[in-house]
Amino acid sequence: SEARRAALLSSDQLLQTVVEMTNVERGRG
C-alpha cells in the first residue's frame, strides 16, 4: 500500500507540473 501510494503521489505531482507548464506556455504564446 505504501509503494502504491508513493507511485500515485509522484504521478500526480508530475501531472501538475505538466499542466502548469502548459498554462505558462499558453500565456507566453
PDB file of all heavy atoms in Angstrom:
ATOM      1  N   SER A   1       0.832  -1.220   0.000  1.00  0.00           N
ATOM      2  CA  SER A   1       0.000   0.000   0.000  1.00  0.00           C
ATOM      3  C   SER A   1       0.859   1.260   0.000  1.00  0.00           C
ATOM      4  O   SER A   1       0.564   2.255  -0.684  1.00  0.00           O
ATOM      5  CB  SER A   1      -0.932   0.000   1.212  1.00  0.00           C
ATOM      6  OG  SER A   1      -1.805  -1.123   1.164  1.00  0.00           O
ATOM      7  N   GLU A   2       1.940   1.235   0.786  1.00  0.00           N
ATOM      8  CA  GLU A   2       2.827   2.394   0.825  1.00  0.00           C
ATOM      9  C   GLU A   2       3.482   2.648  -0.523  1.00  0.00           C
ATOM     10  O   GLU A   2       3.607   3.797  -0.985  1.00  0.00           O
ATOM     11  CB  GLU A   2       3.883   2.191   1.902  1.00  0.00           C
ATOM     12  CG  GLU A   2       3.315   2.228   3.311  1.00  0.00           C
ATOM     13  CD  GLU A   2       4.383   1.901   4.355  1.00  0.00           C
ATOM     14  OE1 GLU A   2       5.514   1.587   3.917  1.00  0.00           O
ATOM     15  OE2 GLU A   2       4.075   1.976   5.555  1.00  0.00           O
ATOM     16  N   ALA A   3       3.911   1.562  -1.200  1.00  0.00           N
ATOM     17  CA  ALA A   3       4.546   1.708  -2.513  1.00  0.00           C
ATOM     18  C   ALA A   3       3.550   2.241  -3.533  1.00  0.00           C
ATOM     19  O   ALA A   3       3.885   3.089  -4.386  1.00  0.00           O
ATOM     20  CB  ALA A   3       5.124   0.370  -2.978  1.00  0.00           C
ATOM     21  N   ARG A   4       2.312   1.701  -3.447  1.00  0.00           N
ATOM     22  CA  ARG A   4       1.295   2.179  -4.391  1.00  0.00           C
ATOM     23  C   ARG A   4       0.995   3.668  -4.145  1.00  0.00           C
ATOM     24  O   ARG A   4       0.845   4.446  -5.090  1.00  0.00           O
ATOM     25  CB  ARG A   4       0.023   1.350  -4.222  1.00  0.00           C
ATOM     26  CG  ARG A   4      -1.040   1.711  -5.254  1.00  0.00           C
ATOM     27  CD  ARG A   4      -2.292   0.895  -5.062  1.00  0.00           C
ATOM     28  NE  ARG A   4      -2.061  -0.500  -5.374  1.00  0.00           N
ATOM     29  CZ  ARG A   4      -2.113  -1.501  -4.493  1.00  0.00           C
ATOM     30  NH1 ARG A   4      -2.380  -1.250  -3.231  1.00  0.00           N
ATOM     31  NH2 ARG A   4      -1.897  -2.743  -4.868  1.00  0.00           N
ATOM     32  N   ARG A   5       0.905   4.099  -2.879  1.00  0.00           N
ATOM     33  CA  ARG A   5       0.622   5.489  -2.542  1.00  0.00           C
ATOM     34  C   ARG A   5       1.748   6.412  -3.034  1.00  0.00           C
ATOM     35  O   ARG A   5       1.505   7.492  -3.570  1.00  0.00           O
ATOM     36  CB  ARG A   5       0.449   5.645  -1.040  1.00  0.00           C
ATOM     37  CG  ARG A   5       0.013   7.050  -0.619  1.00  0.00           C
ATOM     38  CD  ARG A   5      -0.157   7.158   0.882  1.00  0.00           C
ATOM     39  NE  ARG A   5      -1.135   6.227   1.386  1.00  0.00           N
ATOM     40  CZ  ARG A   5      -0.857   5.138   2.106  1.00  0.00           C
ATOM     41  NH1 ARG A   5       0.406   4.864   2.418  1.00  0.00           N
ATOM     42  NH2 ARG A   5      -1.809   4.337   2.521  1.00  0.00           N
ATOM     43  N   ALA A   6       2.988   5.972  -2.853  1.00  0.00           N
ATOM     44  CA  ALA A   6       4.115   6.795  -3.307  1.00  0.00           C
ATOM     45  C   ALA A   6       4.109   6.958  -4.817  1.00  0.00           C
ATOM     46  O   ALA A   6       4.389   8.036  -5.355  1.00  0.00           O
ATOM     47  CB  ALA A   6       5.430   6.158  -2.853  1.00  0.00           C
ATOM     48  N   ALA A   7       3.756   5.879  -5.554  1.00  0.00           N
ATOM     49  CA  ALA A   7       3.698   5.950  -7.009  1.00  0.00           C
ATOM     50  C   ALA A   7       2.595   6.913  -7.460  1.00  0.00           C
ATOM     51  O   ALA A   7       2.770   7.694  -8.414  1.00  0.00           O
ATOM     52  CB  ALA A   7       3.478   4.567  -7.601  1.00  0.00           C
ATOM     53  N   LEU A   8       1.445   6.885  -6.781  1.00  0.00           N
ATOM     54  CA  LEU A   8       0.347   7.775  -7.134  1.00  0.00           C
ATOM     55  C   LEU A   8       0.703   9.237  -6.878  1.00  0.00           C
ATOM     56  O   LEU A   8       0.395  10.125  -7.692  1.00  0.00           O
ATOM     57  CB  LEU A   8      -0.914   7.395  -6.357  1.00  0.00           C
ATOM     58  CG  LEU A   8      -1.612   6.097  -6.778  1.00  0.00           C
ATOM     59  CD1 LEU A   8      -2.749   5.767  -5.817  1.00  0.00           C
ATOM     60  CD2 LEU A   8      -2.138   6.218  -8.198  1.00  0.00           C
ATOM     61  N   LEU A   9       1.350   9.510  -5.754  1.00  0.00           N
ATOM     62  CA  LEU A   9       1.734  10.878  -5.424  1.00  0.00           C
ATOM     63  C   LEU A   9       2.725  11.432  -6.436  1.00  0.00           C
ATOM     64  O   LEU A   9       2.609  12.591  -6.883  1.00  0.00           O
ATOM     65  CB  LEU A   9       2.324  10.926  -4.014  1.00  0.00           C
ATOM     66  CG  LEU A   9       1.314  10.747  -2.868  1.00  0.00           C
ATOM     67  CD1 LEU A   9       2.061  10.682  -1.537  1.00  0.00           C
ATOM     68  CD2 LEU A   9       0.310  11.894  -2.853  1.00  0.00           C
ATOM     69  N   SER A  10       3.711  10.650  -6.786  1.00  0.00           N
ATOM     70  CA  SER A  10       4.704  11.140  -7.745  1.00  0.00           C
ATOM     71  C   SER A  10       4.083  11.331  -9.122  1.00  0.00           C
ATOM     72  O   SER A  10       4.420  12.274  -9.850  1.00  0.00           O
ATOM     73  CB  SER A  10       5.879  10.167  -7.823  1.00  0.00           C
ATOM     74  OG  SER A  10       5.436   8.876  -8.252  1.00  0.00           O
ATOM     75  N   SER A  11       3.144  10.431  -9.484  1.00  0.00           N
ATOM     76  CA  SER A  11       2.461  10.593 -10.773  1.00  0.00           C
ATOM     77  C   SER A  11       1.596  11.864 -10.779  1.00  0.00           C
ATOM     78  O   SER A  11       1.567  12.597 -11.785  1.00  0.00           O
ATOM     79  CB  SER A  11       1.586   9.365 -11.041  1.00  0.00           C
ATOM     80  OG  SER A  11       0.874   9.524 -12.235  1.00  0.00           O
ATOM     81  N   ASP A  12       0.891  12.139  -9.657  1.00  0.00           N
ATOM     82  CA  ASP A  12       0.071  13.353  -9.568  1.00  0.00           C
ATOM     83  C   ASP A  12       0.936  14.606  -9.600  1.00  0.00           C
ATOM     84  O   ASP A  12       0.574  15.600 -10.246  1.00  0.00           O
ATOM     85  CB  ASP A  12      -0.749  13.301  -8.269  1.00  0.00           C
ATOM     86  CG  ASP A  12      -1.666  14.494  -8.132  1.00  0.00           C
ATOM     87  OD1 ASP A  12      -2.601  14.637  -8.947  1.00  0.00           O
ATOM     88  OD2 ASP A  12      -1.441  15.318  -7.217  1.00  0.00           O
ATOM     89  N   GLN A  13       2.080  14.573  -8.934  1.00  0.00           N
ATOM     90  CA  GLN A  13       2.983  15.708  -8.945  1.00  0.00           C
ATOM     91  C   GLN A  13       3.490  15.996 -10.347  1.00  0.00           C
ATOM     92  O   GLN A  13       3.559  17.164 -10.791  1.00  0.00           O
ATOM     93  CB  GLN A  13       4.166  15.448  -8.004  1.00  0.00           C
ATOM     94  CG  GLN A  13       5.154  16.599  -7.905  1.00  0.00           C
ATOM     95  CD  GLN A  13       4.517  17.843  -7.307  1.00  0.00           C
ATOM     96  OE1 GLN A  13       3.721  17.732  -6.371  1.00  0.00           O
ATOM     97  NE2 GLN A  13       4.860  19.007  -7.832  1.00  0.00           N
ATOM     98  N   LEU A  14       3.805  14.914 -11.100  1.00  0.00           N
ATOM     99  CA  LEU A  14       4.263  15.076 -12.473  1.00  0.00           C
ATOM    100  C   LEU A  14       3.151  15.679 -13.337  1.00  0.00           C
ATOM    101  O   LEU A  14       3.404  16.570 -14.161  1.00  0.00           O
ATOM    102  CB  LEU A  14       4.694  13.721 -13.031  1.00  0.00           C
ATOM    103  CG  LEU A  14       5.121  13.710 -14.513  1.00  0.00           C
ATOM    104  CD1 LEU A  14       6.324  14.626 -14.729  1.00  0.00           C
ATOM    105  CD2 LEU A  14       5.444  12.280 -14.963  1.00  0.00           C
ATOM    106  N   LEU A  15       1.917  15.225 -13.124  1.00  0.00           N
ATOM    107  CA  LEU A  15       0.797  15.748 -13.907  1.00  0.00           C
ATOM    108  C   LEU A  15       0.572  17.235 -13.624  1.00  0.00           C
ATOM    109  O   LEU A  15       0.329  18.036 -14.542  1.00  0.00           O
ATOM    110  CB  LEU A  15      -0.471  14.957 -13.575  1.00  0.00           C
ATOM    111  CG  LEU A  15      -1.747  15.397 -14.321  1.00  0.00           C
ATOM    112  CD1 LEU A  15      -1.562  15.236 -15.820  1.00  0.00           C
ATOM    113  CD2 LEU A  15      -2.938  14.567 -13.836  1.00  0.00           C
ATOM    114  N   GLN A  16       0.659  17.644 -12.364  1.00  0.00           N
ATOM    115  CA  GLN A  16       0.509  19.061 -12.017  1.00  0.00           C
ATOM    116  C   GLN A  16       1.587  19.915 -12.676  1.00  0.00           C
ATOM    117  O   GLN A  16       1.329  21.034 -13.162  1.00  0.00           O
ATOM    118  CB  GLN A  16       0.543  19.235 -10.506  1.00  0.00           C
ATOM    119  CG  GLN A  16      -0.674  18.679  -9.784  1.00  0.00           C
ATOM    120  CD  GLN A  16      -0.598  18.907  -8.295  1.00  0.00           C
ATOM    121  OE1 GLN A  16       0.284  19.626  -7.823  1.00  0.00           O
ATOM    122  NE2 GLN A  16      -1.503  18.279  -7.548  1.00  0.00           N
ATOM    123  N   THR A  17       2.792  19.413 -12.700  1.00  0.00           N
ATOM    124  CA  THR A  17       3.888  20.145 -13.330  1.00  0.00           C
ATOM    125  C   THR A  17       3.649  20.312 -14.822  1.00  0.00           C
ATOM    126  O   THR A  17       3.880  21.393 -15.397  1.00  0.00           O
ATOM    127  CB  THR A  17       5.220  19.424 -13.090  1.00  0.00           C
ATOM    128  OG1 THR A  17       5.448  19.275 -11.672  1.00  0.00           O
ATOM    129  CG2 THR A  17       6.375  20.196 -13.702  1.00  0.00           C
ATOM    130  N   VAL A  18       3.159  19.241 -15.482  1.00  0.00           N
ATOM    131  CA  VAL A  18       2.865  19.309 -16.910  1.00  0.00           C
ATOM    132  C   VAL A  18       1.755  20.325 -17.192  1.00  0.00           C
ATOM    133  O   VAL A  18       1.837  21.122 -18.145  1.00  0.00           O
ATOM    134  CB  VAL A  18       2.477  17.916 -17.429  1.00  0.00           C
ATOM    135  CG1 VAL A  18       1.979  18.008 -18.876  1.00  0.00           C
ATOM    136  CG2 VAL A  18       3.667  16.972 -17.366  1.00  0.00           C
ATOM    137  N   VAL A  19       0.699  20.323 -16.335  1.00  0.00           N
ATOM    138  CA  VAL A  19      -0.403  21.267 -16.514  1.00  0.00           C
ATOM    139  C   VAL A  19       0.085  22.711 -16.341  1.00  0.00           C
ATOM    140  O   VAL A  19      -0.270  23.613 -17.109  1.00  0.00           O
ATOM    141  CB  VAL A  19      -1.549  20.958 -15.532  1.00  0.00           C
ATOM    142  CG1 VAL A  19      -2.592  22.070 -15.536  1.00  0.00           C
ATOM    143  CG2 VAL A  19      -2.189  19.624 -15.885  1.00  0.00           C
ATOM    144  N   GLU A  20       0.898  22.925 -15.325  1.00  0.00           N
ATOM    145  CA  GLU A  20       1.418  24.277 -15.079  1.00  0.00           C
ATOM    146  C   GLU A  20       2.281  24.742 -16.240  1.00  0.00           C
ATOM    147  O   GLU A  20       2.207  25.914 -16.655  1.00  0.00           O
ATOM    148  CB  GLU A  20       2.209  24.287 -13.776  1.00  0.00           C
ATOM    149  CG  GLU A  20       2.610  25.688 -13.326  1.00  0.00           C
ATOM    150  CD  GLU A  20       3.257  25.681 -11.949  1.00  0.00           C
ATOM    151  OE1 GLU A  20       3.325  24.609 -11.328  1.00  0.00           O
ATOM    152  OE2 GLU A  20       3.697  26.766 -11.521  1.00  0.00           O
ATOM    153  N   MET A  21       3.097  23.829 -16.789  1.00  0.00           N
ATOM    154  CA  MET A  21       3.912  24.204 -17.947  1.00  0.00           C
ATOM    155  C   MET A  21       3.034  24.558 -19.152  1.00  0.00           C
ATOM    156  O   MET A  21       3.321  25.515 -19.880  1.00  0.00           O
ATOM    157  CB  MET A  21       4.853  23.045 -18.314  1.00  0.00           C
ATOM    158  CG  MET A  21       6.012  22.856 -17.362  1.00  0.00           C
ATOM    159  SD  MET A  21       7.157  21.569 -17.953  1.00  0.00           S
ATOM    160  CE  MET A  21       7.803  22.349 -19.415  1.00  0.00           C
ATOM    161  N   THR A  22       1.959  23.781 -19.320  1.00  0.00           N
ATOM    162  CA  THR A  22       1.041  24.057 -20.436  1.00  0.00           C
ATOM    163  C   THR A  22       0.414  25.449 -20.303  1.00  0.00           C
ATOM    164  O   THR A  22       0.302  26.201 -21.282  1.00  0.00           O
ATOM    165  CB  THR A  22      -0.051  22.988 -20.488  1.00  0.00           C
ATOM    166  OG1 THR A  22       0.559  21.683 -20.643  1.00  0.00           O
ATOM    167  CG2 THR A  22      -1.001  23.244 -21.658  1.00  0.00           C
ATOM    168  N   ASN A  23      -0.016  25.809 -19.081  1.00  0.00           N
ATOM    169  CA  ASN A  23      -0.621  27.131 -18.861  1.00  0.00           C
ATOM    170  C   ASN A  23       0.376  28.255 -19.115  1.00  0.00           C
ATOM    171  O   ASN A  23       0.035  29.290 -19.714  1.00  0.00           O
ATOM    172  CB  ASN A  23      -1.166  27.237 -17.437  1.00  0.00           C
ATOM    173  CG  ASN A  23      -2.359  26.322 -17.214  1.00  0.00           C
ATOM    174  OD1 ASN A  23      -3.076  25.980 -18.156  1.00  0.00           O
ATOM    175  ND2 ASN A  23      -2.576  25.910 -15.968  1.00  0.00           N
ATOM    176  N   VAL A  24       1.600  28.082 -18.652  1.00  0.00           N
ATOM    177  CA  VAL A  24       2.624  29.106 -18.857  1.00  0.00           C
ATOM    178  C   VAL A  24       2.927  29.250 -20.344  1.00  0.00           C
ATOM    179  O   VAL A  24       3.088  30.374 -20.860  1.00  0.00           O
ATOM    180  CB  VAL A  24       3.893  28.781 -18.053  1.00  0.00           C
ATOM    181  CG1 VAL A  24       5.018  29.759 -18.393  1.00  0.00           C
ATOM    182  CG2 VAL A  24       3.609  28.810 -16.562  1.00  0.00           C
ATOM    183  N   GLU A  25       3.002  28.127 -21.061  1.00  0.00           N
ATOM    184  CA  GLU A  25       3.273  28.182 -22.495  1.00  0.00           C
ATOM    185  C   GLU A  25       2.120  28.880 -23.235  1.00  0.00           C
ATOM    186  O   GLU A  25       2.347  29.643 -24.181  1.00  0.00           O
ATOM    187  CB  GLU A  25       3.473  26.769 -23.049  1.00  0.00           C
ATOM    188  CG  GLU A  25       4.805  26.131 -22.625  1.00  0.00           C
ATOM    189  CD  GLU A  25       4.899  24.678 -23.059  1.00  0.00           C
ATOM    190  OE1 GLU A  25       3.853  24.140 -23.510  1.00  0.00           O
ATOM    191  OE2 GLU A  25       5.989  24.095 -22.949  1.00  0.00           O
ATOM    192  N   ARG A  26       0.876  28.598 -22.784  1.00  0.00           N
ATOM    193  CA  ARG A  26      -0.265  29.262 -23.419  1.00  0.00           C
ATOM    194  C   ARG A  26      -0.215  30.780 -23.182  1.00  0.00           C
ATOM    195  O   ARG A  26      -0.461  31.572 -24.093  1.00  0.00           O
ATOM    196  CB  ARG A  26      -1.572  28.709 -22.854  1.00  0.00           C
ATOM    197  CG  ARG A  26      -2.813  29.265 -23.563  1.00  0.00           C
ATOM    198  CD  ARG A  26      -4.095  28.748 -22.954  1.00  0.00           C
ATOM    199  NE  ARG A  26      -4.190  27.312 -23.059  1.00  0.00           N
ATOM    200  CZ  ARG A  26      -4.117  26.439 -22.046  1.00  0.00           C
ATOM    201  NH1 ARG A  26      -3.935  26.889 -20.810  1.00  0.00           N
ATOM    202  NH2 ARG A  26      -4.237  25.157 -22.240  1.00  0.00           N
ATOM    203  N   GLY A  27       0.109  31.183 -21.946  1.00  0.00           N
ATOM    204  CA  GLY A  27       0.218  32.615 -21.650  1.00  0.00           C
ATOM    205  C   GLY A  27       1.337  33.263 -22.430  1.00  0.00           C
ATOM    206  O   GLY A  27       1.173  34.392 -22.939  1.00  0.00           O
ATOM    207  N   ARG A  28       2.451  32.547 -22.564  1.00  0.00           N
ATOM    208  CA  ARG A  28       3.569  33.117 -23.318  1.00  0.00           C
ATOM    209  C   ARG A  28       3.179  33.312 -24.785  1.00  0.00           C
ATOM    210  O   ARG A  28       3.530  34.325 -25.415  1.00  0.00           O
ATOM    211  CB  ARG A  28       4.783  32.188 -23.235  1.00  0.00           C
ATOM    212  CG  ARG A  28       6.040  32.775 -23.893  1.00  0.00           C
ATOM    213  CD  ARG A  28       7.162  31.764 -23.947  1.00  0.00           C
ATOM    214  NE  ARG A  28       8.376  32.363 -24.473  1.00  0.00           N
ATOM    215  CZ  ARG A  28       8.588  32.635 -25.760  1.00  0.00           C
ATOM    216  NH1 ARG A  28       7.637  32.382 -26.653  1.00  0.00           N
ATOM    217  NH2 ARG A  28       9.734  33.183 -26.154  1.00  0.00           N
ATOM    218  N   GLY A  29       2.444  32.333 -25.326  1.00  0.00           N
ATOM    219  CA  GLY A  29       2.003  32.459 -26.704  1.00  0.00           C
ATOM    220  C   GLY A  29       1.062  33.658 -26.891  1.00  0.00           C
ATOM    221  O   GLY A  29       1.135  34.368 -27.900  1.00  0.00           O
TER     222      GLY A  29
END
